[in-house]
Protein backbone atom coordinates (compact mmCIF):
# COMPACT_ATOMS: atom_id res chain seq x y z
CA MET A 1 -5.13 2.51 -12.50
CA VAL A 2 -5.35 4.04 -9.03
CA THR A 3 -7.26 1.05 -7.63
CA TRP A 4 -4.67 -1.34 -9.06
CA ARG A 5 -1.83 0.65 -7.52
CA ARG A 6 -3.49 0.62 -4.09
CA ALA A 7 -4.10 -3.11 -4.38
CA GLN A 8 -0.47 -3.64 -5.32
CA MET A 9 0.71 -1.77 -2.21
CA VAL A 10 -1.55 -3.79 0.09
CA LEU A 11 -0.54 -7.06 -1.58
CA LEU A 12 3.18 -6.31 -1.28
CA SER A 13 2.71 -5.53 2.39
CA ALA A 14 0.77 -8.75 2.95
CA GLN A 15 3.42 -10.77 1.10
CA GLY A 16 6.16 -9.81 3.48
CA MET A 17 7.28 -6.27 2.75
CA GLN A 18 5.53 -5.24 5.96
CA GLY A 19 7.24 -2.32 7.60
CA ASP A 20 9.33 -1.58 4.53
CA ASP A 21 7.44 1.38 3.12
CA ARG A 22 10.50 2.50 1.17
CA LYS A 23 10.64 -0.68 -0.93
CA ILE A 24 6.89 -0.70 -1.53
CA ALA A 25 7.02 2.96 -2.57
CA GLN A 26 9.79 2.22 -5.07
CA VAL A 27 7.86 -0.67 -6.64
CA ALA A 28 4.59 1.31 -6.77
CA PHE A 29 6.27 4.55 -7.95
CA THR A 30 4.83 6.61 -5.11
CA SER A 31 5.86 8.16 -1.81
CA GLU A 32 6.38 6.36 1.48
CA ASP A 33 3.69 8.56 3.03
CA ARG A 34 1.17 7.42 0.41
CA VAL A 35 2.08 3.77 1.07
CA ARG A 36 1.51 4.24 4.81
CA ASP A 37 -1.84 5.97 4.17
CA VAL A 38 -3.06 3.24 1.82
CA ILE A 39 -2.05 0.41 4.15
CA HIS A 40 -3.50 2.19 7.18
CA ASN A 41 -6.80 2.76 5.35
CA SER A 42 -6.86 -0.82 4.17
CA ASN A 43 -6.31 -2.12 7.69
CA ALA A 44 -9.05 0.14 9.04
CA ASP A 45 -11.67 -0.25 6.27
CA GLY A 46 -10.81 -3.47 4.45
CA PHE A 47 -11.74 -3.63 0.77
CA HIS A 48 -13.85 -0.49 1.00
CA SER A 49 -10.92 1.84 1.71
CA ASN A 50 -9.98 4.63 -0.69
């Protein structure tokens, strides 16, 4: 479940919700800080990010 949620956040960002952490957080039922952390980790580490 956690992996799917991270993937969803990265996908939403890639599909055009870039810079709108609030909207992504609402869709993924998480905090804006978590969204920023996940996207930052994904950008830094690619598919191997946690």
